[in-house]
C-alpha atoms as a PDB file:
ATOM      1  CA  MET A   1     -65.231  13.521-114.279  1.00  0.00           C
ATOM      2  CA  ASN A   2     -64.552  17.244-114.569  1.00  0.00           C
ATOM      3  CA  ILE A   3     -63.917  18.535-118.095  1.00  0.00           C
ATOM      4  CA  ASP A   4     -62.255  21.944-118.137  1.00  0.00           C
ATOM      5  CA  PRO A   5     -63.391  23.878-121.247  1.00  0.00           C
ATOM      6  CA  GLN A   6     -60.002  25.642-121.378  1.00  0.00           C
ATOM      7  CA  THR A   7     -57.907  22.456-121.498  1.00  0.00           C
ATOM      8  CA  PRO A   8     -56.812  21.813-125.089  1.00  0.00           C
ATOM      9  CA  TRP A   9     -57.562  18.353-126.451  1.00  0.00           C
ATOM     10  CA  PHE A  10     -54.990  18.707-129.223  1.00  0.00           C
ATOM     11  CA  GLY A  11     -51.617  20.400-129.218  1.00  0.00           C
ATOM     12  CA  PRO A  12     -49.195  21.373-131.967  1.00  0.00           C
ATOM     13  CA  ARG A  13     -46.825  18.760-133.274  1.00  0.00           C
ATOM     14  CA  ARG A  14     -43.146  19.253-132.507  1.00  0.00           C
ATOM     15  CA  TYR A  15     -42.157  18.742-136.153  1.00  0.00           C
ATOM     16  CA  GLY A  16     -44.330  19.405-139.174  1.00  0.00           C
ATOM     17  CA  TRP A  17     -47.847  20.765-139.562  1.00  0.00           C
ATOM     18  CA  GLY A  18     -50.907  19.705-137.612  1.00  0.00           C
ATOM     19  CA  TRP A  19     -51.977  18.499-134.203  1.00  0.00           C
ATOM     20  CA  GLY A  20     -51.448  15.626-131.832  1.00  0.00           C
ATOM     21  CA  PRO A  21     -53.639  14.444-128.963  1.00  0.00           C
ATOM     22  CA  ALA A  22     -52.758  16.348-125.769  1.00  0.00           C
ATOM     23  CA  SER A  23     -55.320  14.847-123.368  1.00  0.00           C
ATOM     24  CA  TRP A  24     -57.487  11.800-122.933  1.00  0.00           C
ATOM     25  CA  GLN A  25     -60.311  13.618-124.764  1.00  0.00           C
ATOM     26  CA  GLY A  26     -58.074  14.041-127.806  1.00  0.00           C
ATOM     27  CA  TRP A  27     -57.178  10.348-127.747  1.00  0.00           C
ATOM     28  CA  ALA A  28     -60.903   9.504-127.429  1.00  0.00           C
ATOM     29  CA  VAL A  29     -61.697  11.602-130.513  1.00  0.00           C
ATOM     30  CA  ILE A  30     -58.907   9.890-132.489  1.00  0.00           C
ATOM     31  CA  GLY A  31     -60.142   6.484-131.301  1.00  0.00           C
ATOM     32  CA  ALA A  32     -63.721   7.258-132.344  1.00  0.00           C
ATOM     33  CA  TYR A  33     -62.495   8.446-135.745  1.00  0.00           C
ATOM     34  CA  LEU A  34     -60.537   5.229-136.268  1.00  0.00           C
ATOM     35  CA  VAL A  35     -63.373   2.966-135.113  1.00  0.00           C
ATOM     36  CA  LEU A  36     -65.912   4.727-137.331  1.00  0.00           C
ATOM     37  CA  SER A  37     -63.508   4.580-140.285  1.00  0.00           C
ATOM     38  CA  ILE A  38     -62.656   0.914-139.804  1.00  0.00           C
ATOM     39  CA  LEU A  39     -66.280  -0.156-139.327  1.00  0.00           C
ATOM     40  CA  GLY A  40     -68.189   2.328-141.482  1.00  0.00           C
ATOM     41  CA  VAL A  41     -66.337   2.446-144.780  1.00  0.00           C
ATOM     42  CA  PRO A  42     -66.129  -1.341-145.366  1.00  0.00           C
ATOM     43  CA  LEU A  43     -69.865  -1.675-144.684  1.00  0.00           C
ATOM     44  CA  LEU A  44     -70.651   0.938-147.304  1.00  0.00           C
ATOM     45  CA  LEU A  45     -68.178  -0.547-149.791  1.00  0.00           C
ATOM     46  CA  ASP A  46     -69.633  -4.040-149.324  1.00  0.00           C
ATOM     47  CA  ALA A  47     -73.059  -2.631-150.164  1.00  0.00           C
ATOM     48  CA  GLN A  48     -71.679  -1.418-153.541  1.00  0.00           C
ATOM     49  CA  ARG A  49     -71.940   2.197-152.449  1.00  0.00           C
ATOM     50  CA  GLY A  50     -68.496   3.578-153.249  1.00  0.00           C
ATOM     51  CA  GLY A  51     -69.739   7.145-153.429  1.00  0.00           C
ATOM     52  CA  ALA A  52     -71.388   6.814-150.041  1.00  0.00           C
ATOM     53  CA  ALA A  53     -68.177   5.410-148.552  1.00  0.00           C
ATOM     54  CA  PHE A  54     -66.184   8.339-149.946  1.00  0.00           C
ATOM     55  CA  ALA A  55     -68.744  10.857-148.662  1.00  0.00           C
ATOM     56  CA  PHE A  56     -68.820   9.180-145.230  1.00  0.00           C
ATOM     57  CA  GLN A  57     -65.029   9.236-144.879  1.00  0.00           C
ATOM     58  CA  SER A  58     -64.836  12.816-146.158  1.00  0.00           C
ATOM     59  CA  LEU A  59     -67.433  14.056-143.664  1.00  0.00           C
ATOM     60  CA  LEU A  60     -65.742  12.135-140.866  1.00  0.00           C
ATOM     61  CA  THR A  61     -62.380  13.717-141.724  1.00  0.00           C
ATOM     62  CA  VAL A  62     -63.849  17.231-141.952  1.00  0.00           C
ATOM     63  CA  ALA A  63     -65.483  16.704-138.539  1.00  0.00           C
ATOM     64  CA  LEU A  64     -62.129  15.596-137.090  1.00  0.00           C
ATOM     65  CA  ILE A  65     -60.378  18.675-138.488  1.00  0.00           C
ATOM     66  CA  ILE A  66     -63.074  20.963-137.079  1.00  0.00           C
ATOM     67  CA  VAL A  67     -62.758  19.375-133.632  1.00  0.00           C
ATOM     68  CA  CYS A  68     -58.963  19.762-133.812  1.00  0.00           C
ATOM     69  CA  ILE A  69     -59.258  23.449-134.700  1.00  0.00           C
ATOM     70  CA  VAL A  70     -61.896  24.197-132.052  1.00  0.00           C
ATOM     71  CA  ARG A  71     -60.199  22.240-129.249  1.00  0.00           C
ATOM     72  CA  GLY A  72     -56.559  22.740-130.233  1.00  0.00           C
ATOM     73  CA  GLY A  73     -56.114  26.009-132.072  1.00  0.00           C
ATOM     74  CA  ALA A  74     -54.880  26.848-135.529  1.00  0.00           C
ATOM     75  CA  PRO A  75     -52.088  24.661-136.885  1.00  0.00           C
ATOM     76  CA  SER A  76     -48.754  26.021-137.993  1.00  0.00           C
ATOM     77  CA  TRP A  77     -45.506  24.612-139.334  1.00  0.00           C
ATOM     78  CA  ARG A  78     -42.997  23.773-136.594  1.00  0.00           C
ATOM     79  CA  TRP A  79     -39.342  22.729-136.775  1.00  0.00           C
ATOM     80  CA  GLY A  80     -39.031  21.530-133.182  1.00  0.00           C
ATOM     81  CA  GLY A  81     -37.686  23.329-130.180  1.00  0.00           C
ATOM     82  CA  ARG A  82     -34.174  24.113-129.090  1.00  0.00           C
ATOM     83  CA  ASN A  83     -34.604  21.850-126.059  1.00  0.00           C
ATOM     84  CA  THR A  84     -35.416  18.686-127.994  1.00  0.00           C
ATOM     85  CA  GLY A  85     -31.957  17.229-127.468  1.00  0.00           C
ATOM     86  CA  GLN A  86     -31.509  16.553-131.174  1.00  0.00           C
ATOM     87  CA  ARG A  87     -29.294  18.328-133.641  1.00  0.00           C
ATOM     88  CA  SER A  88     -30.933  20.355-136.336  1.00  0.00           C
ATOM     89  CA  ARG A  89     -30.025  19.753-139.963  1.00  0.00           C
ATOM     90  CA  HIS A  90     -27.741  22.787-139.767  1.00  0.00           C
ATOM     91  CA  GLY A  91     -25.545  21.265-137.064  1.00  0.00           C
ATOM     92  CA  GLY A  92     -26.640  23.518-134.203  1.00  0.00           C
ATOM     93  CA  ARG A  93     -28.505  22.624-131.067  1.00  0.00           C
END
């Protein structure tokens, strides 16, 4: 499997602020984040460690944001493109 270091894992969203997975690597990162969240936080909460669960989820989220920035670029607000096939809220195309 050849991983090109120039291929972005995350791309800008069409509407709003943030990123979306743009390759299988991006989907793998999102999957790992979800699995770790679903399995890790309940284990820490069951052990009566609410602060540890909060810290774990916070660190996991910060790591996800860092990966998105490094592998997808800086986010910006987007209103969609002219070629989306949908009318804007101002009635134009």
